[in-house]
Amino acid sequence: MRRLTMVLLLIVAPFQFIMPAAFAEDKSPWLVRLRLIDIAPHESSTVSIGGAITADIAVAPELDITYFWTDNIATELILATSKHNVAAIGTSLGDLDLGTIWVLPPTLLVQYHLNPDGQFRPYLGVGLNYTLYYNGTSGGLDSVEYDNDLGYAFQAGVDIGLNDRWAFNIDVKKVYLNANARLNGGAVTADVSLDPWVFGAGLAYRF
């Protein structure tokens, strides 16, 4: 967590010197979005007994909080969690049910908004996530454990203005998530990259 905190401070620090006075007087720097997201893992793995780790697609709500430092530059905190069924297929022991795992990857992105005063407002983002794995079940094994890890993310999206405060939002992210897994107390190990595509749609509100 200390490493994550230091990296995030390095990302955010330059924007603290950009004066919010760059905004028109009637425009708040705060924006929130509520999306429904489809999380599609793109797995790759190395398993000590061969085979591969798979995780299923999940659908979940997502809350995003954005602060505009200027009309074009913003930072966004993304909050969402999802539950996935996990399996190991084609191993030397056959196909194994690894139960379920909840994934929580809070992500901080720096964004550039290309047309902030128009009705059609596209943006691009890049940032970091710290992935937490929790409330897992072990399926057909005695135990399955995952290590939390630091990763990064890329984003592209658009807000389509509905009125002065509300907008319809479409967003896609590529999030890089890694998980070192230990099965049955470490008798079997796996290095797993989940690296999901995250597709979302919802509403945005500018205060």
N, C-alpha and C. Protein backbone atom coordinates (compact mmCIF):
# COMPACT_ATOMS: atom_id res chain seq x y z
N MET A 1 0.83 -1.20 0.00
CA MET A 1 0.00 0.00 0.00
C MET A 1 0.86 1.26 0.00
N ARG A 2 2.04 1.22 0.65
CA ARG A 2 2.92 2.39 0.64
C ARG A 2 3.38 2.70 -0.76
N ARG A 3 3.73 1.67 -1.54
CA ARG A 3 4.15 1.89 -2.92
C ARG A 3 3.03 2.49 -3.74
N LEU A 4 1.79 1.98 -3.57
CA LEU A 4 0.64 2.50 -4.29
C LEU A 4 0.42 3.96 -3.96
N THR A 5 0.46 4.31 -2.67
CA THR A 5 0.22 5.68 -2.25
C THR A 5 1.23 6.64 -2.86
N MET A 6 2.50 6.26 -2.87
CA MET A 6 3.53 7.12 -3.42
C MET A 6 3.32 7.35 -4.91
N VAL A 7 2.96 6.29 -5.64
CA VAL A 7 2.76 6.43 -7.08
C VAL A 7 1.56 7.32 -7.38
N LEU A 8 0.46 7.14 -6.65
CA LEU A 8 -0.73 7.94 -6.88
C LEU A 8 -0.48 9.41 -6.55
N LEU A 9 0.31 9.68 -5.50
CA LEU A 9 0.63 11.06 -5.18
C LEU A 9 1.45 11.71 -6.29
N LEU A 10 2.33 10.96 -6.91
CA LEU A 10 3.11 11.49 -8.02
C LEU A 10 2.23 11.83 -9.21
N ILE A 11 1.15 11.05 -9.42
CA ILE A 11 0.23 11.33 -10.52
C ILE A 11 -0.58 12.58 -10.23
N VAL A 12 -1.09 12.69 -9.01
CA VAL A 12 -2.03 13.76 -8.68
C VAL A 12 -1.34 15.09 -8.40
N ALA A 13 -0.12 15.06 -7.84
CA ALA A 13 0.53 16.27 -7.37
C ALA A 13 0.60 17.40 -8.39
N PRO A 14 0.96 17.16 -9.66
CA PRO A 14 1.07 18.29 -10.60
C PRO A 14 -0.23 19.05 -10.77
N PHE A 15 -1.37 18.39 -10.60
CA PHE A 15 -2.65 19.04 -10.84
C PHE A 15 -3.06 19.94 -9.68
N GLN A 16 -2.40 19.83 -8.54
CA GLN A 16 -2.72 20.69 -7.42
C GLN A 16 -2.26 22.12 -7.64
N PHE A 17 -1.41 22.32 -8.65
CA PHE A 17 -0.92 23.66 -8.96
C PHE A 17 -1.73 24.30 -10.08
N ILE A 18 -2.75 23.60 -10.60
CA ILE A 18 -3.62 24.16 -11.63
C ILE A 18 -4.81 24.79 -10.94
N MET A 19 -5.05 26.07 -11.14
CA MET A 19 -6.07 26.79 -10.40
C MET A 19 -7.47 26.44 -10.89
N PRO A 20 -8.41 26.06 -10.00
CA PRO A 20 -9.78 25.83 -10.41
C PRO A 20 -10.44 27.05 -11.04
N ALA A 21 -9.85 28.25 -10.90
CA ALA A 21 -10.40 29.45 -11.49
C ALA A 21 -10.46 29.38 -13.01
N ALA A 22 -9.85 28.33 -13.60
CA ALA A 22 -9.93 28.16 -15.04
C ALA A 22 -11.35 27.87 -15.50
N PHE A 23 -12.25 27.55 -14.57
CA PHE A 23 -13.63 27.24 -14.91
C PHE A 23 -14.48 28.50 -14.98
N ALA A 24 -15.55 28.40 -15.75
CA ALA A 24 -16.57 29.43 -15.67
C ALA A 24 -17.19 29.39 -14.28
N GLU A 25 -17.72 30.54 -13.84
CA GLU A 25 -18.21 30.64 -12.46
C GLU A 25 -19.35 29.68 -12.18
N ASP A 26 -20.14 29.32 -13.19
CA ASP A 26 -21.31 28.48 -12.96
C ASP A 26 -21.02 27.00 -13.17
N LYS A 27 -19.76 26.62 -13.33
CA LYS A 27 -19.43 25.23 -13.61
C LYS A 27 -18.70 24.61 -12.41
N SER A 28 -19.27 23.57 -11.83
CA SER A 28 -18.62 22.89 -10.71
C SER A 28 -17.51 21.98 -11.22
N PRO A 29 -16.43 21.80 -10.45
CA PRO A 29 -15.38 20.87 -10.86
C PRO A 29 -15.73 19.41 -10.60
N TRP A 30 -16.86 19.13 -9.92
CA TRP A 30 -17.21 17.77 -9.53
C TRP A 30 -18.22 17.16 -10.50
N LEU A 31 -17.97 15.90 -10.85
CA LEU A 31 -18.87 15.12 -11.70
C LEU A 31 -18.90 13.69 -11.17
N VAL A 32 -20.07 13.10 -11.15
CA VAL A 32 -20.18 11.68 -10.76
C VAL A 32 -20.87 10.92 -11.89
N ARG A 33 -20.49 9.67 -12.02
CA ARG A 33 -21.12 8.79 -13.01
C ARG A 33 -21.54 7.49 -12.32
N LEU A 34 -22.69 6.98 -12.72
CA LEU A 34 -23.12 5.66 -12.29
C LEU A 34 -23.33 4.84 -13.56
N ARG A 35 -22.55 3.76 -13.68
CA ARG A 35 -22.59 2.94 -14.88
C ARG A 35 -22.97 1.49 -14.52
N LEU A 36 -23.47 0.78 -15.50
CA LEU A 36 -23.56 -0.67 -15.44
C LEU A 36 -22.43 -1.19 -16.33
N ILE A 37 -21.57 -2.03 -15.78
CA ILE A 37 -20.38 -2.46 -16.52
C ILE A 37 -20.40 -3.96 -16.76
N ASP A 38 -19.82 -4.35 -17.88
CA ASP A 38 -19.60 -5.75 -18.26
C ASP A 38 -18.09 -5.99 -18.19
N ILE A 39 -17.68 -6.92 -17.33
CA ILE A 39 -16.26 -7.18 -17.08
C ILE A 39 -15.90 -8.50 -17.73
N ALA A 40 -15.07 -8.43 -18.76
CA ALA A 40 -14.72 -9.62 -19.56
C ALA A 40 -13.23 -9.91 -19.42
N PRO A 41 -12.86 -10.85 -18.53
CA PRO A 41 -11.43 -11.18 -18.36
C PRO A 41 -10.80 -11.69 -19.65
N HIS A 42 -9.54 -11.33 -19.83
CA HIS A 42 -8.74 -11.83 -20.96
C HIS A 42 -7.53 -12.52 -20.34
N GLU A 43 -7.73 -13.77 -19.90
CA GLU A 43 -6.78 -14.43 -19.03
C GLU A 43 -5.55 -14.98 -19.76
N SER A 44 -4.43 -14.96 -19.04
CA SER A 44 -3.25 -15.75 -19.39
C SER A 44 -2.66 -16.22 -18.07
N SER A 45 -2.07 -17.41 -18.06
CA SER A 45 -1.60 -17.94 -16.78
C SER A 45 -0.50 -18.96 -16.97
N THR A 46 0.26 -19.12 -15.91
CA THR A 46 1.25 -20.20 -15.81
C THR A 46 0.94 -20.98 -14.54
N VAL A 47 0.63 -22.27 -14.68
CA VAL A 47 0.20 -23.10 -13.56
C VAL A 47 1.24 -24.21 -13.35
N SER A 48 1.60 -24.45 -12.09
CA SER A 48 2.66 -25.42 -11.81
C SER A 48 2.32 -26.84 -12.22
N ILE A 49 1.03 -27.15 -12.39
CA ILE A 49 0.62 -28.50 -12.84
C ILE A 49 0.06 -28.45 -14.26
N GLY A 50 0.44 -27.40 -15.00
CA GLY A 50 -0.01 -27.28 -16.38
C GLY A 50 -1.44 -26.76 -16.48
N GLY A 51 -1.90 -26.60 -17.70
CA GLY A 51 -3.25 -26.11 -17.92
C GLY A 51 -3.32 -24.59 -17.83
N ALA A 52 -4.52 -24.08 -17.62
CA ALA A 52 -4.75 -22.64 -17.60
C ALA A 52 -5.86 -22.30 -16.63
N ILE A 53 -5.81 -21.06 -16.12
CA ILE A 53 -6.84 -20.55 -15.23
C ILE A 53 -7.85 -19.74 -16.05
N THR A 54 -9.13 -19.95 -15.79
CA THR A 54 -10.18 -19.18 -16.47
C THR A 54 -11.08 -18.51 -15.43
N ALA A 55 -11.63 -17.35 -15.80
CA ALA A 55 -12.60 -16.64 -14.97
C ALA A 55 -13.74 -16.18 -15.86
N ASP A 56 -14.96 -16.23 -15.34
CA ASP A 56 -16.11 -15.90 -16.18
C ASP A 56 -16.37 -14.39 -16.24
N ILE A 57 -17.24 -14.01 -17.16
CA ILE A 57 -17.67 -12.62 -17.31
C ILE A 57 -18.61 -12.26 -16.16
N ALA A 58 -18.53 -11.00 -15.71
CA ALA A 58 -19.42 -10.53 -14.65
C ALA A 58 -20.01 -9.18 -15.03
N VAL A 59 -21.21 -8.90 -14.53
CA VAL A 59 -21.87 -7.61 -14.70
C VAL A 59 -22.05 -7.00 -13.31
N ALA A 60 -21.74 -5.69 -13.19
CA ALA A 60 -21.77 -5.05 -11.88
C ALA A 60 -22.02 -3.55 -12.05
N PRO A 61 -22.50 -2.87 -10.97
CA PRO A 61 -22.59 -1.41 -11.01
C PRO A 61 -21.21 -0.80 -10.74
N GLU A 62 -21.03 0.42 -11.22
CA GLU A 62 -19.75 1.12 -11.02
C GLU A 62 -20.05 2.58 -10.70
N LEU A 63 -19.39 3.10 -9.66
CA LEU A 63 -19.50 4.51 -9.28
C LEU A 63 -18.17 5.19 -9.56
N ASP A 64 -18.23 6.33 -10.26
CA ASP A 64 -17.02 7.09 -10.59
C ASP A 64 -17.16 8.51 -10.09
N ILE A 65 -16.10 9.03 -9.49
CA ILE A 65 -16.07 10.40 -8.98
C ILE A 65 -14.94 11.14 -9.70
N THR A 66 -15.29 12.23 -10.38
CA THR A 66 -14.34 12.96 -11.21
C THR A 66 -14.19 14.39 -10.69
N TYR A 67 -12.93 14.86 -10.67
CA TYR A 67 -12.65 16.26 -10.32
C TYR A 67 -11.91 16.90 -11.48
N PHE A 68 -12.44 18.02 -12.00
CA PHE A 68 -11.83 18.75 -13.11
C PHE A 68 -10.89 19.82 -12.55
N TRP A 69 -9.61 19.69 -12.88
CA TRP A 69 -8.62 20.69 -12.48
C TRP A 69 -8.67 21.89 -13.43
N THR A 70 -8.94 21.61 -14.69
CA THR A 70 -9.23 22.64 -15.69
C THR A 70 -10.38 22.10 -16.54
N ASP A 71 -10.79 22.84 -17.56
CA ASP A 71 -11.84 22.34 -18.44
C ASP A 71 -11.44 21.04 -19.13
N ASN A 72 -10.15 20.84 -19.38
CA ASN A 72 -9.69 19.68 -20.14
C ASN A 72 -9.09 18.57 -19.28
N ILE A 73 -8.51 18.90 -18.15
CA ILE A 73 -7.78 17.92 -17.34
C ILE A 73 -8.59 17.56 -16.09
N ALA A 74 -8.74 16.25 -15.87
CA ALA A 74 -9.50 15.76 -14.71
C ALA A 74 -8.84 14.51 -14.16
N THR A 75 -9.16 14.19 -12.92
CA THR A 75 -8.80 12.90 -12.34
C THR A 75 -10.10 12.20 -11.94
N GLU A 76 -10.12 10.89 -12.14
CA GLU A 76 -11.33 10.10 -11.86
C GLU A 76 -10.98 8.92 -10.97
N LEU A 77 -11.74 8.74 -9.91
CA LEU A 77 -11.64 7.57 -9.04
C LEU A 77 -12.77 6.63 -9.38
N ILE A 78 -12.43 5.39 -9.72
CA ILE A 78 -13.41 4.38 -10.14
C ILE A 78 -13.57 3.35 -9.03
N LEU A 79 -14.82 3.10 -8.64
CA LEU A 79 -15.13 2.18 -7.56
C LEU A 79 -16.13 1.14 -8.06
N ALA A 80 -15.72 -0.12 -8.06
CA ALA A 80 -16.60 -1.22 -8.46
C ALA A 80 -16.01 -2.52 -7.93
N THR A 81 -16.88 -3.49 -7.71
CA THR A 81 -16.43 -4.81 -7.31
C THR A 81 -17.27 -5.86 -8.03
N SER A 82 -16.67 -7.00 -8.31
CA SER A 82 -17.37 -8.04 -9.08
C SER A 82 -16.98 -9.42 -8.58
N LYS A 83 -17.90 -10.37 -8.78
CA LYS A 83 -17.69 -11.75 -8.36
C LYS A 83 -17.50 -12.63 -9.59
N HIS A 84 -16.47 -13.50 -9.54
CA HIS A 84 -16.14 -14.34 -10.69
C HIS A 84 -16.01 -15.80 -10.27
N ASN A 85 -16.51 -16.69 -11.13
CA ASN A 85 -16.26 -18.12 -10.99
C ASN A 85 -14.92 -18.44 -11.65
N VAL A 86 -14.09 -19.20 -10.96
CA VAL A 86 -12.73 -19.48 -11.42
C VAL A 86 -12.53 -20.98 -11.55
N ALA A 87 -11.79 -21.39 -12.57
CA ALA A 87 -11.49 -22.81 -12.78
C ALA A 87 -10.09 -22.95 -13.36
N ALA A 88 -9.51 -24.13 -13.16
CA ALA A 88 -8.26 -24.51 -13.83
C ALA A 88 -8.60 -25.64 -14.78
N ILE A 89 -8.30 -25.44 -16.06
CA ILE A 89 -8.66 -26.45 -17.06
C ILE A 89 -7.41 -27.03 -17.71
N GLY A 90 -7.51 -28.30 -18.05
CA GLY A 90 -6.41 -28.96 -18.75
C GLY A 90 -5.17 -29.19 -17.93
N THR A 91 -5.29 -29.27 -16.61
CA THR A 91 -4.11 -29.53 -15.77
C THR A 91 -3.80 -31.02 -15.75
N SER A 92 -2.66 -31.36 -15.15
CA SER A 92 -2.29 -32.78 -15.03
C SER A 92 -3.23 -33.54 -14.11
N LEU A 93 -4.05 -32.79 -13.33
CA LEU A 93 -5.04 -33.41 -12.46
C LEU A 93 -6.45 -33.29 -13.05
N GLY A 94 -6.52 -32.85 -14.30
CA GLY A 94 -7.82 -32.65 -14.94
C GLY A 94 -8.33 -31.24 -14.73
N ASP A 95 -9.62 -31.05 -14.95
CA ASP A 95 -10.23 -29.73 -14.75
C ASP A 95 -10.61 -29.58 -13.27
N LEU A 96 -10.25 -28.41 -12.70
CA LEU A 96 -10.46 -28.17 -11.27
C LEU A 96 -11.37 -26.97 -11.06
N ASP A 97 -12.34 -27.12 -10.18
CA ASP A 97 -13.20 -26.02 -9.77
C ASP A 97 -12.48 -25.24 -8.67
N LEU A 98 -12.16 -23.95 -8.95
CA LEU A 98 -11.45 -23.13 -7.96
C LEU A 98 -12.39 -22.20 -7.21
N GLY A 99 -13.69 -22.44 -7.31
CA GLY A 99 -14.65 -21.67 -6.53
C GLY A 99 -14.89 -20.29 -7.11
N THR A 100 -15.12 -19.32 -6.23
CA THR A 100 -15.41 -17.95 -6.63
C THR A 100 -14.47 -16.99 -5.93
N ILE A 101 -14.35 -15.78 -6.49
CA ILE A 101 -13.55 -14.74 -5.86
C ILE A 101 -14.18 -13.39 -6.17
N TRP A 102 -14.19 -12.51 -5.17
CA TRP A 102 -14.59 -11.12 -5.37
C TRP A 102 -13.35 -10.29 -5.67
N VAL A 103 -13.47 -9.41 -6.67
CA VAL A 103 -12.35 -8.58 -7.12
C VAL A 103 -12.73 -7.12 -6.92
N LEU A 104 -11.88 -6.37 -6.20
CA LEU A 104 -12.09 -4.95 -5.96
C LEU A 104 -10.84 -4.20 -6.42
N PRO A 105 -10.90 -3.55 -7.61
CA PRO A 105 -9.73 -2.83 -8.11
C PRO A 105 -9.94 -1.31 -8.15
N PRO A 106 -9.93 -0.59 -7.00
CA PRO A 106 -10.07 0.86 -7.07
C PRO A 106 -9.00 1.44 -8.00
N THR A 107 -9.44 2.32 -8.91
CA THR A 107 -8.57 2.80 -9.98
C THR A 107 -8.61 4.32 -10.02
N LEU A 108 -7.43 4.94 -10.10
CA LEU A 108 -7.32 6.39 -10.23
C LEU A 108 -6.74 6.71 -11.60
N LEU A 109 -7.48 7.52 -12.38
CA LEU A 109 -7.10 7.84 -13.74
C LEU A 109 -6.92 9.35 -13.91
N VAL A 110 -5.95 9.73 -14.71
CA VAL A 110 -5.82 11.11 -15.18
C VAL A 110 -6.43 11.16 -16.58
N GLN A 111 -7.36 12.12 -16.80
CA GLN A 111 -8.12 12.17 -18.05
C GLN A 111 -7.85 13.47 -18.81
N TYR A 112 -7.96 13.36 -20.14
CA TYR A 112 -7.99 14.55 -20.99
C TYR A 112 -9.32 14.58 -21.73
N HIS A 113 -10.06 15.68 -21.55
CA HIS A 113 -11.38 15.84 -22.17
C HIS A 113 -11.24 16.73 -23.40
N LEU A 114 -11.62 16.17 -24.57
CA LEU A 114 -11.30 16.81 -25.83
C LEU A 114 -12.23 17.96 -26.20
N ASN A 115 -13.49 17.92 -25.77
CA ASN A 115 -14.47 18.93 -26.19
C ASN A 115 -15.37 19.25 -25.01
N PRO A 116 -14.81 19.84 -23.94
CA PRO A 116 -15.54 19.93 -22.67
C PRO A 116 -16.80 20.78 -22.70
N ASP A 117 -16.93 21.68 -23.67
CA ASP A 117 -18.10 22.56 -23.71
C ASP A 117 -19.14 22.12 -24.74
N GLY A 118 -18.89 21.04 -25.45
CA GLY A 118 -19.83 20.58 -26.46
C GLY A 118 -20.83 19.60 -25.90
N GLN A 119 -21.79 19.23 -26.73
CA GLN A 119 -22.75 18.20 -26.33
C GLN A 119 -22.10 16.82 -26.38
N PHE A 120 -21.19 16.62 -27.32
CA PHE A 120 -20.48 15.34 -27.49
C PHE A 120 -19.07 15.54 -26.93
N ARG A 121 -18.79 14.91 -25.74
CA ARG A 121 -17.58 15.23 -24.98
C ARG A 121 -16.71 13.97 -24.77
N PRO A 122 -15.87 13.64 -25.74
CA PRO A 122 -15.01 12.46 -25.59
C PRO A 122 -13.84 12.73 -24.63
N TYR A 123 -13.30 11.64 -24.06
CA TYR A 123 -12.16 11.77 -23.16
C TYR A 123 -11.31 10.50 -23.23
N LEU A 124 -10.05 10.65 -22.82
CA LEU A 124 -9.09 9.56 -22.71
C LEU A 124 -8.49 9.58 -21.32
N GLY A 125 -8.16 8.41 -20.78
CA GLY A 125 -7.58 8.35 -19.45
C GLY A 125 -6.52 7.27 -19.32
N VAL A 126 -5.62 7.47 -18.36
CA VAL A 126 -4.59 6.49 -18.03
C VAL A 126 -4.34 6.57 -16.53
N GLY A 127 -4.11 5.42 -15.89
CA GLY A 127 -3.90 5.47 -14.45
C GLY A 127 -3.49 4.14 -13.86
N LEU A 128 -3.69 4.04 -12.54
CA LEU A 128 -3.25 2.88 -11.76
C LEU A 128 -4.42 2.28 -10.99
N ASN A 129 -4.33 0.99 -10.72
CA ASN A 129 -5.29 0.34 -9.84
C ASN A 129 -4.53 -0.52 -8.82
N TYR A 130 -5.16 -0.74 -7.69
CA TYR A 130 -4.64 -1.69 -6.71
C TYR A 130 -5.74 -2.71 -6.47
N THR A 131 -5.50 -3.94 -6.88
CA THR A 131 -6.56 -4.96 -6.88
C THR A 131 -6.55 -5.75 -5.57
N LEU A 132 -7.72 -5.80 -4.94
CA LEU A 132 -7.93 -6.57 -3.72
C LEU A 132 -8.81 -7.77 -4.04
N TYR A 133 -8.42 -8.94 -3.57
CA TYR A 133 -9.20 -10.17 -3.75
C TYR A 133 -9.74 -10.57 -2.37
N TYR A 134 -11.06 -10.82 -2.30
CA TYR A 134 -11.65 -11.07 -0.98
C TYR A 134 -12.86 -12.01 -1.10
N ASN A 135 -13.26 -12.55 0.06
CA ASN A 135 -14.46 -13.42 0.17
C ASN A 135 -14.46 -14.56 -0.84
N GLY A 136 -13.30 -15.18 -1.03
CA GLY A 136 -13.21 -16.28 -1.98
C GLY A 136 -13.70 -17.60 -1.39
N THR A 137 -14.15 -18.47 -2.28
CA THR A 137 -14.44 -19.85 -1.89
C THR A 137 -13.47 -20.75 -2.65
N SER A 138 -13.30 -21.98 -2.17
CA SER A 138 -12.24 -22.84 -2.73
C SER A 138 -12.76 -23.91 -3.68
N GLY A 139 -14.06 -23.94 -3.95
CA GLY A 139 -14.58 -24.93 -4.89
C GLY A 139 -14.29 -26.34 -4.43
N GLY A 140 -13.68 -27.14 -5.30
CA GLY A 140 -13.38 -28.53 -4.96
C GLY A 140 -12.05 -28.72 -4.27
N LEU A 141 -11.33 -27.63 -3.93
CA LEU A 141 -10.02 -27.74 -3.29
C LEU A 141 -10.12 -27.40 -1.81
N ASP A 142 -9.04 -27.68 -1.08
CA ASP A 142 -9.02 -27.35 0.34
C ASP A 142 -8.90 -25.85 0.56
N SER A 143 -8.10 -25.17 -0.26
CA SER A 143 -7.93 -23.72 -0.11
C SER A 143 -7.44 -23.12 -1.41
N VAL A 144 -7.85 -21.87 -1.66
CA VAL A 144 -7.37 -21.09 -2.79
C VAL A 144 -7.12 -19.67 -2.28
N GLU A 145 -5.88 -19.16 -2.46
CA GLU A 145 -5.53 -17.83 -2.00
C GLU A 145 -4.96 -17.02 -3.15
N TYR A 146 -5.26 -15.68 -3.13
CA TYR A 146 -4.77 -14.77 -4.16
C TYR A 146 -4.03 -13.61 -3.50
N ASP A 147 -2.96 -13.15 -4.12
CA ASP A 147 -2.21 -12.00 -3.62
C ASP A 147 -2.73 -10.72 -4.27
N ASN A 148 -2.96 -9.68 -3.46
CA ASN A 148 -3.31 -8.37 -3.99
C ASN A 148 -2.14 -7.82 -4.81
N ASP A 149 -2.45 -6.94 -5.79
CA ASP A 149 -1.37 -6.49 -6.66
C ASP A 149 -1.68 -5.12 -7.26
N LEU A 150 -0.60 -4.41 -7.64
CA LEU A 150 -0.69 -3.11 -8.30
C LEU A 150 -0.70 -3.30 -9.81
N GLY A 151 -1.58 -2.57 -10.52
CA GLY A 151 -1.65 -2.66 -11.97
C GLY A 151 -1.92 -1.30 -12.57
N TYR A 152 -2.25 -1.27 -13.85
CA TYR A 152 -2.52 -0.01 -14.53
C TYR A 152 -3.73 -0.18 -15.43
N ALA A 153 -4.21 0.97 -15.96
CA ALA A 153 -5.45 0.95 -16.74
C ALA A 153 -5.43 2.04 -17.80
N PHE A 154 -6.16 1.78 -18.89
CA PHE A 154 -6.37 2.75 -19.96
C PHE A 154 -7.88 2.89 -20.17
N GLN A 155 -8.29 4.07 -20.64
CA GLN A 155 -9.72 4.36 -20.71
C GLN A 155 -10.03 5.25 -21.92
N ALA A 156 -11.20 5.04 -22.51
CA ALA A 156 -11.74 5.94 -23.53
C ALA A 156 -13.25 5.99 -23.33
N GLY A 157 -13.82 7.17 -23.45
CA GLY A 157 -15.26 7.27 -23.26
C GLY A 157 -15.80 8.55 -23.82
N VAL A 158 -17.10 8.75 -23.65
CA VAL A 158 -17.75 9.96 -24.12
C VAL A 158 -18.96 10.26 -23.24
N ASP A 159 -19.13 11.53 -22.90
CA ASP A 159 -20.35 12.02 -22.27
C ASP A 159 -21.18 12.73 -23.34
N ILE A 160 -22.44 12.38 -23.45
CA ILE A 160 -23.34 13.01 -24.42
C ILE A 160 -24.35 13.83 -23.62
N GLY A 161 -24.24 15.15 -23.71
CA GLY A 161 -25.04 16.03 -22.88
C GLY A 161 -26.53 15.88 -23.12
N LEU A 162 -27.29 15.77 -22.02
CA LEU A 162 -28.75 15.73 -22.08
C LEU A 162 -29.35 17.08 -21.69
N ASN A 163 -28.70 17.78 -20.74
CA ASN A 163 -29.02 19.16 -20.38
C ASN A 163 -27.79 19.74 -19.70
N ASP A 164 -27.93 20.81 -18.94
CA ASP A 164 -26.76 21.48 -18.36
C ASP A 164 -26.03 20.61 -17.34
N ARG A 165 -26.72 19.67 -16.72
CA ARG A 165 -26.10 18.87 -15.65
C ARG A 165 -26.00 17.38 -15.98
N TRP A 166 -26.93 16.84 -16.71
CA TRP A 166 -26.99 15.41 -16.95
C TRP A 166 -26.40 15.05 -18.31
N ALA A 167 -25.77 13.88 -18.38
CA ALA A 167 -25.23 13.36 -19.64
C ALA A 167 -25.36 11.85 -19.65
N PHE A 168 -25.47 11.30 -20.84
CA PHE A 168 -25.40 9.86 -21.03
C PHE A 168 -23.94 9.51 -21.29
N ASN A 169 -23.45 8.44 -20.65
CA ASN A 169 -22.04 8.09 -20.73
C ASN A 169 -21.84 6.69 -21.29
N ILE A 170 -20.85 6.57 -22.18
CA ILE A 170 -20.37 5.28 -22.67
C ILE A 170 -18.87 5.24 -22.42
N ASP A 171 -18.37 4.12 -21.93
CA ASP A 171 -16.98 4.07 -21.49
C ASP A 171 -16.42 2.66 -21.70
N VAL A 172 -15.14 2.58 -22.08
CA VAL A 172 -14.45 1.30 -22.17
C VAL A 172 -13.08 1.44 -21.51
N LYS A 173 -12.71 0.43 -20.75
CA LYS A 173 -11.42 0.43 -20.08
C LYS A 173 -10.71 -0.90 -20.31
N LYS A 174 -9.40 -0.85 -20.36
CA LYS A 174 -8.56 -2.04 -20.30
C LYS A 174 -7.81 -1.97 -18.98
N VAL A 175 -8.08 -2.92 -18.11
CA VAL A 175 -7.51 -2.92 -16.77
C VAL A 175 -6.58 -4.13 -16.62
N TYR A 176 -5.36 -3.87 -16.21
CA TYR A 176 -4.38 -4.94 -16.07
C TYR A 176 -4.33 -5.40 -14.62
N LEU A 177 -4.79 -6.64 -14.39
CA LEU A 177 -4.87 -7.24 -13.06
C LEU A 177 -4.04 -8.51 -13.04
N ASN A 178 -3.20 -8.64 -12.03
CA ASN A 178 -2.41 -9.86 -11.87
C ASN A 178 -2.74 -10.49 -10.52
N ALA A 179 -2.68 -11.81 -10.46
CA ALA A 179 -2.96 -12.52 -9.21
C ALA A 179 -2.04 -13.73 -9.11
N ASN A 180 -1.17 -13.72 -8.12
CA ASN A 180 -0.43 -14.94 -7.79
C ASN A 180 -1.32 -15.78 -6.88
N ALA A 181 -1.60 -17.01 -7.31
CA ALA A 181 -2.54 -17.86 -6.58
C ALA A 181 -1.82 -19.07 -5.99
N ARG A 182 -2.27 -19.47 -4.81
CA ARG A 182 -1.76 -20.67 -4.14
C ARG A 182 -2.93 -21.59 -3.88
N LEU A 183 -2.85 -22.81 -4.40
CA LEU A 183 -3.92 -23.79 -4.24
C LEU A 183 -3.48 -24.84 -3.24
N ASN A 184 -4.41 -25.24 -2.38
CA ASN A 184 -4.13 -26.25 -1.34
C ASN A 184 -2.87 -25.91 -0.55
N GLY A 185 -2.83 -24.66 -0.05
CA GLY A 185 -1.73 -24.24 0.82
C GLY A 185 -0.40 -24.08 0.13
N GLY A 186 -0.40 -23.95 -1.19
CA GLY A 186 0.85 -23.77 -1.93
C GLY A 186 1.33 -25.02 -2.62
N ALA A 187 0.60 -26.14 -2.49
CA ALA A 187 0.99 -27.36 -3.20
C ALA A 187 0.95 -27.14 -4.71
N VAL A 188 0.06 -26.25 -5.15
CA VAL A 188 -0.03 -25.84 -6.55
C VAL A 188 0.01 -24.32 -6.59
N THR A 189 0.80 -23.76 -7.50
CA THR A 189 0.88 -22.31 -7.63
C THR A 189 0.50 -21.90 -9.05
N ALA A 190 0.05 -20.65 -9.17
CA ALA A 190 -0.32 -20.13 -10.49
C ALA A 190 -0.05 -18.64 -10.54
N ASP A 191 0.48 -18.18 -11.65
CA ASP A 191 0.64 -16.75 -11.93
C ASP A 191 -0.41 -16.40 -12.97
N VAL A 192 -1.39 -15.59 -12.58
CA VAL A 192 -2.56 -15.36 -13.41
C VAL A 192 -2.67 -13.88 -13.76
N SER A 193 -2.83 -13.58 -15.04
CA SER A 193 -3.15 -12.23 -15.49
C SER A 193 -4.60 -12.24 -15.99
N LEU A 194 -5.46 -11.49 -15.33
CA LEU A 194 -6.87 -11.45 -15.72
C LEU A 194 -7.12 -10.42 -16.83
N ASP A 195 -6.53 -9.23 -16.72
CA ASP A 195 -6.51 -8.19 -17.76
C ASP A 195 -7.86 -8.01 -18.46
N PRO A 196 -8.91 -7.66 -17.72
CA PRO A 196 -10.24 -7.59 -18.36
C PRO A 196 -10.43 -6.35 -19.22
N TRP A 197 -11.31 -6.48 -20.21
CA TRP A 197 -11.94 -5.34 -20.85
C TRP A 197 -13.19 -5.02 -20.04
N VAL A 198 -13.42 -3.74 -19.80
CA VAL A 198 -14.58 -3.31 -19.02
C VAL A 198 -15.40 -2.35 -19.87
N PHE A 199 -16.61 -2.78 -20.24
CA PHE A 199 -17.50 -1.98 -21.07
C PHE A 199 -18.63 -1.45 -20.21
N GLY A 200 -18.88 -0.14 -20.27
CA GLY A 200 -19.89 0.43 -19.39
C GLY A 200 -20.76 1.47 -20.08
N ALA A 201 -21.96 1.66 -19.52
CA ALA A 201 -22.88 2.70 -19.98
C ALA A 201 -23.69 3.15 -18.78
N GLY A 202 -23.99 4.45 -18.72
CA GLY A 202 -24.76 4.96 -17.60
C GLY A 202 -25.00 6.44 -17.72
N LEU A 203 -25.18 7.09 -16.56
CA LEU A 203 -25.48 8.51 -16.52
C LEU A 203 -24.40 9.26 -15.75
N ALA A 204 -24.16 10.50 -16.17
CA ALA A 204 -23.22 11.40 -15.50
C ALA A 204 -23.97 12.63 -15.01
N TYR A 205 -23.54 13.15 -13.84
CA TYR A 205 -24.15 14.35 -13.29
C TYR A 205 -23.07 15.32 -12.88
N ARG A 206 -23.14 16.55 -13.40
CA ARG A 206 -22.18 17.62 -13.06
C ARG A 206 -22.81 18.54 -12.03
N PHE A 207 -22.20 18.68 -10.88
CA PHE A 207 -22.78 19.51 -9.80
C PHE A 207 -22.68 20.99 -10.15
